[in-house]
Amino acid sequence: MEVKIAAVYSGISYQRGILIESDYNKIFDIVPVTKLSETDFSSYDILLFPRGTDEEMTLRNTGRIEDFLNSGKVVISMGEIPRNWLPGTCWGGVIPADDGPLDICTFEKDGVKTKHDIFSNIESHELHWHKGATGWCCHGHLIPPKGAEVLVVNKNGNAMMYIDRKTTKGTMIVASQLDAVCHAYHGVEGAKKVLDNTLKWAEEEVYRLRGEC
């Protein structure tokens, strides 16, 4: 069965550039953030919330998002979440280390150090995207819920991206500094890899939740 993705659009230029005006538009149905309350999500498998999503609107729809997850679906969030509108999320604020080089987490598998599949073809240095004229473009870090699988940390060990299969009956992949939609729009190769790999992984996760793999 086809996997359907709804991407929430808040009208920002980089969101439009990726979600609407690029080749990615072939895989997304666009949902204006102002239509969240009236959109029927039952036919969708994945909800994507890019950086810059209007948090006042998502906060009003926290219950609907939680219901979506508890129906065995997947949510991808890439950007700041200071209002903690996703179930189980806790934004950790902003510190200098959030804007510096990041580390991909590794784990032991059959006696060999390995990375999560999302980062199989990505090195840690490819995640340091925020190198503007000011040297500061920070979206903060996360405090993961108990049982979450942390994928990326800053140099202090704070979580920058994690997977949560414990808080709801579905799966959330939550990122802060790794705002891949924005930086894919700006042509950053590492961001494109993260976005592509995350979407591929999320599709596989849908099949797992359906019991089809």
C-alpha atoms as a PDB file:
ATOM      1  CA  MET A   1       0.000   0.000   0.000  1.00  0.00           C
ATOM      2  CA  GLU A   2       1.243   3.489  -0.852  1.00  0.00           C
ATOM      3  CA  VAL A   3       2.737   5.640   1.907  1.00  0.00           C
ATOM      4  CA  LYS A   4       1.178   9.112   1.976  1.00  0.00           C
ATOM      5  CA  ILE A   5       2.919  12.158   3.455  1.00  0.00           C
ATOM      6  CA  ALA A   6       1.300  15.426   4.493  1.00  0.00           C
ATOM      7  CA  ALA A   7       3.680  18.380   4.822  1.00  0.00           C
ATOM      8  CA  VAL A   8       2.518  21.282   6.971  1.00  0.00           C
ATOM      9  CA  TYR A   9       3.133  24.623   5.245  1.00  0.00           C
ATOM     10  CA  SER A  10       3.382  27.921   7.121  1.00  0.00           C
ATOM     11  CA  GLY A  11       4.118  30.144   4.113  1.00  0.00           C
ATOM     12  CA  ILE A  12       7.876  30.658   4.604  1.00  0.00           C
ATOM     13  CA  SER A  13      10.124  30.972   1.532  1.00  0.00           C
ATOM     14  CA  TYR A  14      12.316  27.917   2.189  1.00  0.00           C
ATOM     15  CA  GLN A  15       9.252  25.795   2.943  1.00  0.00           C
ATOM     16  CA  ARG A  16       7.703  26.867  -0.352  1.00  0.00           C
ATOM     17  CA  GLY A  17      10.969  26.237  -2.194  1.00  0.00           C
ATOM     18  CA  ILE A  18      11.183  22.600  -1.050  1.00  0.00           C
ATOM     19  CA  LEU A  19       7.585  21.563  -0.426  1.00  0.00           C
ATOM     20  CA  ILE A  20       5.966  23.238  -3.418  1.00  0.00           C
ATOM     21  CA  GLU A  21       8.514  24.393  -6.006  1.00  0.00           C
ATOM     22  CA  SER A  22      11.053  21.532  -6.034  1.00  0.00           C
ATOM     23  CA  ASP A  23      10.884  17.905  -7.142  1.00  0.00           C
ATOM     24  CA  TYR A  24      10.019  16.993  -3.557  1.00  0.00           C
ATOM     25  CA  ASN A  25       6.486  18.232  -4.255  1.00  0.00           C
ATOM     26  CA  LYS A  26       5.818  14.904  -5.971  1.00  0.00           C
ATOM     27  CA  ILE A  27       5.865  13.081  -2.643  1.00  0.00           C
ATOM     28  CA  PHE A  28       4.014  15.575  -0.416  1.00  0.00           C
ATOM     29  CA  ASP A  29       0.430  16.679  -0.041  1.00  0.00           C
ATOM     30  CA  ILE A  30       0.557  20.248   1.261  1.00  0.00           C
ATOM     31  CA  VAL A  31      -1.528  21.174   4.302  1.00  0.00           C
ATOM     32  CA  PRO A  32      -1.582  24.911   5.155  1.00  0.00           C
ATOM     33  CA  VAL A  33      -0.990  25.282   8.874  1.00  0.00           C
ATOM     34  CA  THR A  34      -4.216  27.327   9.088  1.00  0.00           C
ATOM     35  CA  LYS A  35      -6.101  24.220   7.907  1.00  0.00           C
ATOM     36  CA  LEU A  36      -4.726  21.831  10.541  1.00  0.00           C
ATOM     37  CA  SER A  37      -7.923  21.823  12.574  1.00  0.00           C
ATOM     38  CA  GLU A  38     -10.124  20.892   9.620  1.00  0.00           C
ATOM     39  CA  THR A  39      -7.865  18.466   7.751  1.00  0.00           C
ATOM     40  CA  ASP A  40      -8.704  14.763   7.866  1.00  0.00           C
ATOM     41  CA  PHE A  41      -5.375  13.004   8.442  1.00  0.00           C
ATOM     42  CA  SER A  42      -6.765   9.468   8.452  1.00  0.00           C
ATOM     43  CA  SER A  43      -5.519   8.759   4.918  1.00  0.00           C
ATOM     44  CA  TYR A  44      -1.962   9.902   5.705  1.00  0.00           C
ATOM     45  CA  ASP A  45       0.871   7.850   7.167  1.00  0.00           C
ATOM     46  CA  ILE A  46       3.444  10.590   7.848  1.00  0.00           C
ATOM     47  CA  LEU A  47       3.117  14.201   8.998  1.00  0.00           C
ATOM     48  CA  LEU A  48       6.115  16.461   8.290  1.00  0.00           C
ATOM     49  CA  PHE A  49       6.589  19.679  10.274  1.00  0.00           C
ATOM     50  CA  PRO A  50       9.516  21.735   8.884  1.00  0.00           C
ATOM     51  CA  ARG A  51      11.398  24.468  10.697  1.00  0.00           C
ATOM     52  CA  GLY A  52       9.312  27.622  10.956  1.00  0.00           C
ATOM     53  CA  THR A  53       6.030  25.794  11.546  1.00  0.00           C
ATOM     54  CA  ASP A  54       3.563  28.116  13.290  1.00  0.00           C
ATOM     55  CA  GLU A  55       3.618  26.806  16.852  1.00  0.00           C
ATOM     56  CA  GLU A  56       0.470  28.628  17.924  1.00  0.00           C
ATOM     57  CA  MET A  57      -1.461  26.618  15.346  1.00  0.00           C
ATOM     58  CA  THR A  58       0.219  23.301  16.197  1.00  0.00           C
ATOM     59  CA  LEU A  59      -0.336  23.927  19.911  1.00  0.00           C
ATOM     60  CA  ARG A  60      -4.059  24.188  19.239  1.00  0.00           C
ATOM     61  CA  ASN A  61      -3.901  20.826  17.501  1.00  0.00           C
ATOM     62  CA  THR A  62      -1.714  18.873  19.935  1.00  0.00           C
ATOM     63  CA  GLY A  63      -4.536  16.448  20.671  1.00  0.00           C
ATOM     64  CA  ARG A  64      -5.160  15.751  16.990  1.00  0.00           C
ATOM     65  CA  ILE A  65      -1.444  15.180  16.388  1.00  0.00           C
ATOM     66  CA  GLU A  66      -1.317  12.782  19.337  1.00  0.00           C
ATOM     67  CA  ASP A  67      -4.380  10.947  18.007  1.00  0.00           C
ATOM     68  CA  PHE A  68      -2.634  10.644  14.633  1.00  0.00           C
ATOM     69  CA  LEU A  69       0.417   9.105  16.293  1.00  0.00           C
ATOM     70  CA  ASN A  70      -1.677   6.753  18.416  1.00  0.00           C
ATOM     71  CA  SER A  71      -3.266   5.397  15.255  1.00  0.00           C
ATOM     72  CA  GLY A  72       0.185   3.960  14.459  1.00  0.00           C
ATOM     73  CA  LYS A  73       1.524   6.752  12.278  1.00  0.00           C
ATOM     74  CA  VAL A  74       4.797   8.715  11.964  1.00  0.00           C
ATOM     75  CA  VAL A  75       5.598  12.377  12.676  1.00  0.00           C
ATOM     76  CA  ILE A  76       8.779  14.123  11.495  1.00  0.00           C
ATOM     77  CA  SER A  77       9.616  17.467  13.121  1.00  0.00           C
ATOM     78  CA  MET A  78      12.665  19.496  12.048  1.00  0.00           C
ATOM     79  CA  GLY A  79      13.089  22.803  13.833  1.00  0.00           C
ATOM     80  CA  GLU A  80      12.467  24.666  17.062  1.00  0.00           C
ATOM     81  CA  ILE A  81       9.766  23.351  19.415  1.00  0.00           C
ATOM     82  CA  PRO A  82       9.894  25.720  22.421  1.00  0.00           C
ATOM     83  CA  ARG A  83       6.133  25.313  22.934  1.00  0.00           C
ATOM     84  CA  ASN A  84       6.511  21.507  23.272  1.00  0.00           C
ATOM     85  CA  TRP A  85       3.452  20.829  21.111  1.00  0.00           C
ATOM     86  CA  LEU A  86       4.548  17.298  20.243  1.00  0.00           C
ATOM     87  CA  PRO A  87       3.781  14.554  22.791  1.00  0.00           C
ATOM     88  CA  GLY A  88       6.711  13.896  25.107  1.00  0.00           C
ATOM     89  CA  THR A  89       8.887  16.690  23.733  1.00  0.00           C
ATOM     90  CA  CYS A  90      10.911  19.080  25.844  1.00  0.00           C
ATOM     91  CA  TRP A  91      12.931  21.833  24.210  1.00  0.00           C
ATOM     92  CA  GLY A  92      16.216  22.362  26.042  1.00  0.00           C
ATOM     93  CA  GLY A  93      16.849  25.973  25.057  1.00  0.00           C
ATOM     94  CA  VAL A  94      19.820  27.474  23.225  1.00  0.00           C
ATOM     95  CA  ILE A  95      23.519  27.258  24.128  1.00  0.00           C
ATOM     96  CA  PRO A  96      26.659  27.964  22.044  1.00  0.00           C
ATOM     97  CA  ALA A  97      27.402  24.245  21.608  1.00  0.00           C
ATOM     98  CA  ASP A  98      24.131  23.843  19.675  1.00  0.00           C
ATOM     99  CA  ASP A  99      25.559  25.972  16.872  1.00  0.00           C
ATOM    100  CA  GLY A 100      28.882  24.141  16.694  1.00  0.00           C
ATOM    101  CA  PRO A 101      29.984  20.837  15.180  1.00  0.00           C
ATOM    102  CA  LEU A 102      27.663  17.915  15.956  1.00  0.00           C
ATOM    103  CA  ASP A 103      28.332  14.207  16.525  1.00  0.00           C
ATOM    104  CA  ILE A 104      26.442  11.270  15.030  1.00  0.00           C
ATOM    105  CA  CYS A 105      25.835   8.660  17.737  1.00  0.00           C
ATOM    106  CA  THR A 106      27.211   5.149  17.282  1.00  0.00           C
ATOM    107  CA  PHE A 107      26.322   1.803  18.834  1.00  0.00           C
ATOM    108  CA  GLU A 108      27.761  -1.689  18.884  1.00  0.00           C
ATOM    109  CA  LYS A 109      26.333  -4.197  16.407  1.00  0.00           C
ATOM    110  CA  ASP A 110      27.968  -7.609  16.073  1.00  0.00           C
ATOM    111  CA  GLY A 111      31.096  -6.174  17.692  1.00  0.00           C
ATOM    112  CA  VAL A 112      31.325  -3.293  15.215  1.00  0.00           C
ATOM    113  CA  LYS A 113      30.589   0.391  15.831  1.00  0.00           C
ATOM    114  CA  THR A 114      27.805   1.521  13.531  1.00  0.00           C
ATOM    115  CA  LYS A 115      25.362   4.397  13.018  1.00  0.00           C
ATOM    116  CA  HIS A 116      21.633   4.583  12.534  1.00  0.00           C
ATOM    117  CA  ASP A 117      20.565   3.923   8.940  1.00  0.00           C
ATOM    118  CA  ILE A 118      19.619   7.585   8.455  1.00  0.00           C
ATOM    119  CA  PHE A 119      23.325   8.439   8.758  1.00  0.00           C
ATOM    120  CA  SER A 120      24.794   5.454   6.928  1.00  0.00           C
ATOM    121  CA  ASN A 121      26.260   7.685   4.180  1.00  0.00           C
ATOM    122  CA  ILE A 122      26.765  10.823   6.288  1.00  0.00           C
ATOM    123  CA  GLU A 123      29.719  11.952   8.414  1.00  0.00           C
ATOM    124  CA  SER A 124      29.432  14.225  11.442  1.00  0.00           C
ATOM    125  CA  HIS A 125      31.180  17.154   9.729  1.00  0.00           C
ATOM    126  CA  GLU A 126      28.393  17.213   7.106  1.00  0.00           C
ATOM    127  CA  LEU A 127      25.924  18.300   9.808  1.00  0.00           C
ATOM    128  CA  HIS A 128      27.589  21.630  10.607  1.00  0.00           C
ATOM    129  CA  TRP A 129      25.368  23.756   8.356  1.00  0.00           C
ATOM    130  CA  HIS A 130      25.122  27.017  10.262  1.00  0.00           C
ATOM    131  CA  LYS A 131      28.159  28.940   9.048  1.00  0.00           C
ATOM    132  CA  GLY A 132      26.690  32.308   8.121  1.00  0.00           C
ATOM    133  CA  ALA A 133      28.327  35.735   8.296  1.00  0.00           C
ATOM    134  CA  THR A 134      27.513  36.066  11.993  1.00  0.00           C
ATOM    135  CA  GLY A 135      28.561  32.503  12.807  1.00  0.00           C
ATOM    136  CA  TRP A 136      25.367  32.103  14.843  1.00  0.00           C
ATOM    137  CA  CYS A 137      22.143  30.500  13.696  1.00  0.00           C
ATOM    138  CA  CYS A 138      20.828  28.398  16.516  1.00  0.00           C
ATOM    139  CA  HIS A 139      17.641  26.393  16.994  1.00  0.00           C
ATOM    140  CA  GLY A 140      18.503  24.819  20.333  1.00  0.00           C
ATOM    141  CA  HIS A 141      18.688  21.281  21.638  1.00  0.00           C
ATOM    142  CA  LEU A 142      16.203  18.744  22.974  1.00  0.00           C
ATOM    143  CA  ILE A 143      15.628  16.838  26.206  1.00  0.00           C
ATOM    144  CA  PRO A 144      14.575  13.399  24.949  1.00  0.00           C
ATOM    145  CA  PRO A 145      11.932  11.385  26.792  1.00  0.00           C
ATOM    146  CA  LYS A 146      12.886   8.188  28.574  1.00  0.00           C
ATOM    147  CA  GLY A 147      13.500   5.382  26.127  1.00  0.00           C
ATOM    148  CA  ALA A 148      14.140   7.599  23.110  1.00  0.00           C
ATOM    149  CA  GLU A 149      16.898   6.634  20.665  1.00  0.00           C
ATOM    150  CA  VAL A 150      19.267   9.596  20.374  1.00  0.00           C
ATOM    151  CA  LEU A 151      20.829   9.910  16.910  1.00  0.00           C
ATOM    152  CA  VAL A 152      22.816  13.173  17.034  1.00  0.00           C
ATOM    153  CA  VAL A 153      24.278  15.203  19.913  1.00  0.00           C
ATOM    154  CA  ASN A 154      26.202  18.441  20.309  1.00  0.00           C
ATOM    155  CA  LYS A 155      29.687  18.493  21.838  1.00  0.00           C
ATOM    156  CA  ASN A 156      28.121  18.722  25.317  1.00  0.00           C
ATOM    157  CA  GLY A 157      26.125  15.547  24.701  1.00  0.00           C
ATOM    158  CA  ASN A 158      22.751  17.292  24.385  1.00  0.00           C
ATOM    159  CA  ALA A 159      20.321  15.655  21.967  1.00  0.00           C
ATOM    160  CA  MET A 160      19.833  17.298  18.581  1.00  0.00           C
ATOM    161  CA  MET A 161      17.829  14.504  16.946  1.00  0.00           C
ATOM    162  CA  TYR A 162      16.074  11.460  18.377  1.00  0.00           C
ATOM    163  CA  ILE A 163      13.485   8.784  17.626  1.00  0.00           C
ATOM    164  CA  ASP A 164      10.659   8.235  20.116  1.00  0.00           C
ATOM    165  CA  ARG A 165       8.635   5.010  19.896  1.00  0.00           C
ATOM    166  CA  LYS A 166       7.666   5.027  23.586  1.00  0.00           C
ATOM    167  CA  THR A 167       5.493   8.099  24.169  1.00  0.00           C
ATOM    168  CA  THR A 168       2.724   7.113  21.716  1.00  0.00           C
ATOM    169  CA  LYS A 169       1.698   4.064  19.694  1.00  0.00           C
ATOM    170  CA  GLY A 170       3.354   5.656  16.669  1.00  0.00           C
ATOM    171  CA  THR A 171       6.842   6.982  15.980  1.00  0.00           C
ATOM    172  CA  MET A 172       8.286  10.477  16.174  1.00  0.00           C
ATOM    173  CA  ILE A 173      11.600  11.613  14.761  1.00  0.00           C
ATOM    174  CA  VAL A 174      12.386  14.984  16.280  1.00  0.00           C
ATOM    175  CA  ALA A 175      15.247  17.330  15.364  1.00  0.00           C
ATOM    176  CA  SER A 176      16.141  20.887  16.343  1.00  0.00           C
ATOM    177  CA  GLN A 177      19.371  22.248  14.861  1.00  0.00           C
ATOM    178  CA  LEU A 178      19.082  19.766  11.982  1.00  0.00           C
ATOM    179  CA  ASP A 179      16.483  21.800  10.083  1.00  0.00           C
ATOM    180  CA  ALA A 180      17.013  19.823   6.890  1.00  0.00           C
ATOM    181  CA  VAL A 181      14.159  21.329   4.838  1.00  0.00           C
ATOM    182  CA  CYS A 182      15.571  24.845   5.199  1.00  0.00           C
ATOM    183  CA  HIS A 183      19.155  23.904   4.387  1.00  0.00           C
ATOM    184  CA  ALA A 184      18.210  21.571   1.547  1.00  0.00           C
ATOM    185  CA  TYR A 185      16.539  24.629   0.026  1.00  0.00           C
ATOM    186  CA  HIS A 186      19.828  26.508   0.423  1.00  0.00           C
ATOM    187  CA  GLY A 187      21.686  23.716  -1.394  1.00  0.00           C
ATOM    188  CA  VAL A 188      23.585  22.157   1.519  1.00  0.00           C
ATOM    189  CA  GLU A 189      24.461  18.606   0.473  1.00  0.00           C
ATOM    190  CA  GLY A 190      24.475  17.235   4.029  1.00  0.00           C
ATOM    191  CA  ALA A 191      20.971  18.604   4.581  1.00  0.00           C
ATOM    192  CA  LYS A 192      19.704  16.978   1.396  1.00  0.00           C
ATOM    193  CA  LYS A 193      21.104  13.650   2.559  1.00  0.00           C
ATOM    194  CA  VAL A 194      19.471  13.995   5.977  1.00  0.00           C
ATOM    195  CA  LEU A 195      16.124  14.924   4.429  1.00  0.00           C
ATOM    196  CA  ASP A 196      16.202  12.128   1.849  1.00  0.00           C
ATOM    197  CA  ASN A 197      17.374   9.504   4.333  1.00  0.00           C
ATOM    198  CA  THR A 198      14.824  10.569   6.951  1.00  0.00           C
ATOM    199  CA  LEU A 199      11.968  10.333   4.461  1.00  0.00           C
ATOM    200  CA  LYS A 200      13.152   6.915   3.305  1.00  0.00           C
ATOM    201  CA  TRP A 201      13.507   5.694   6.879  1.00  0.00           C
ATOM    202  CA  ALA A 202      10.069   7.072   7.808  1.00  0.00           C
ATOM    203  CA  GLU A 203       8.492   5.184   4.921  1.00  0.00           C
ATOM    204  CA  GLU A 204      10.104   1.961   6.145  1.00  0.00           C
ATOM    205  CA  GLU A 205       8.875   2.761   9.651  1.00  0.00           C
ATOM    206  CA  VAL A 206       5.326   3.035   8.310  1.00  0.00           C
ATOM    207  CA  TYR A 207       5.598  -0.481   6.910  1.00  0.00           C
ATOM    208  CA  ARG A 208       6.942  -1.698  10.268  1.00  0.00           C
ATOM    209  CA  LEU A 209       4.041  -0.110  12.129  1.00  0.00           C
ATOM    210  CA  ARG A 210       1.614  -1.686   9.678  1.00  0.00           C
ATOM    211  CA  GLY A 211       3.247  -5.057  10.283  1.00  0.00           C
ATOM    212  CA  GLU A 212       4.260  -5.312   6.634  1.00  0.00           C
ATOM    213  CA  CYS A 213       7.964  -5.926   7.215  1.00  0.00           C
END
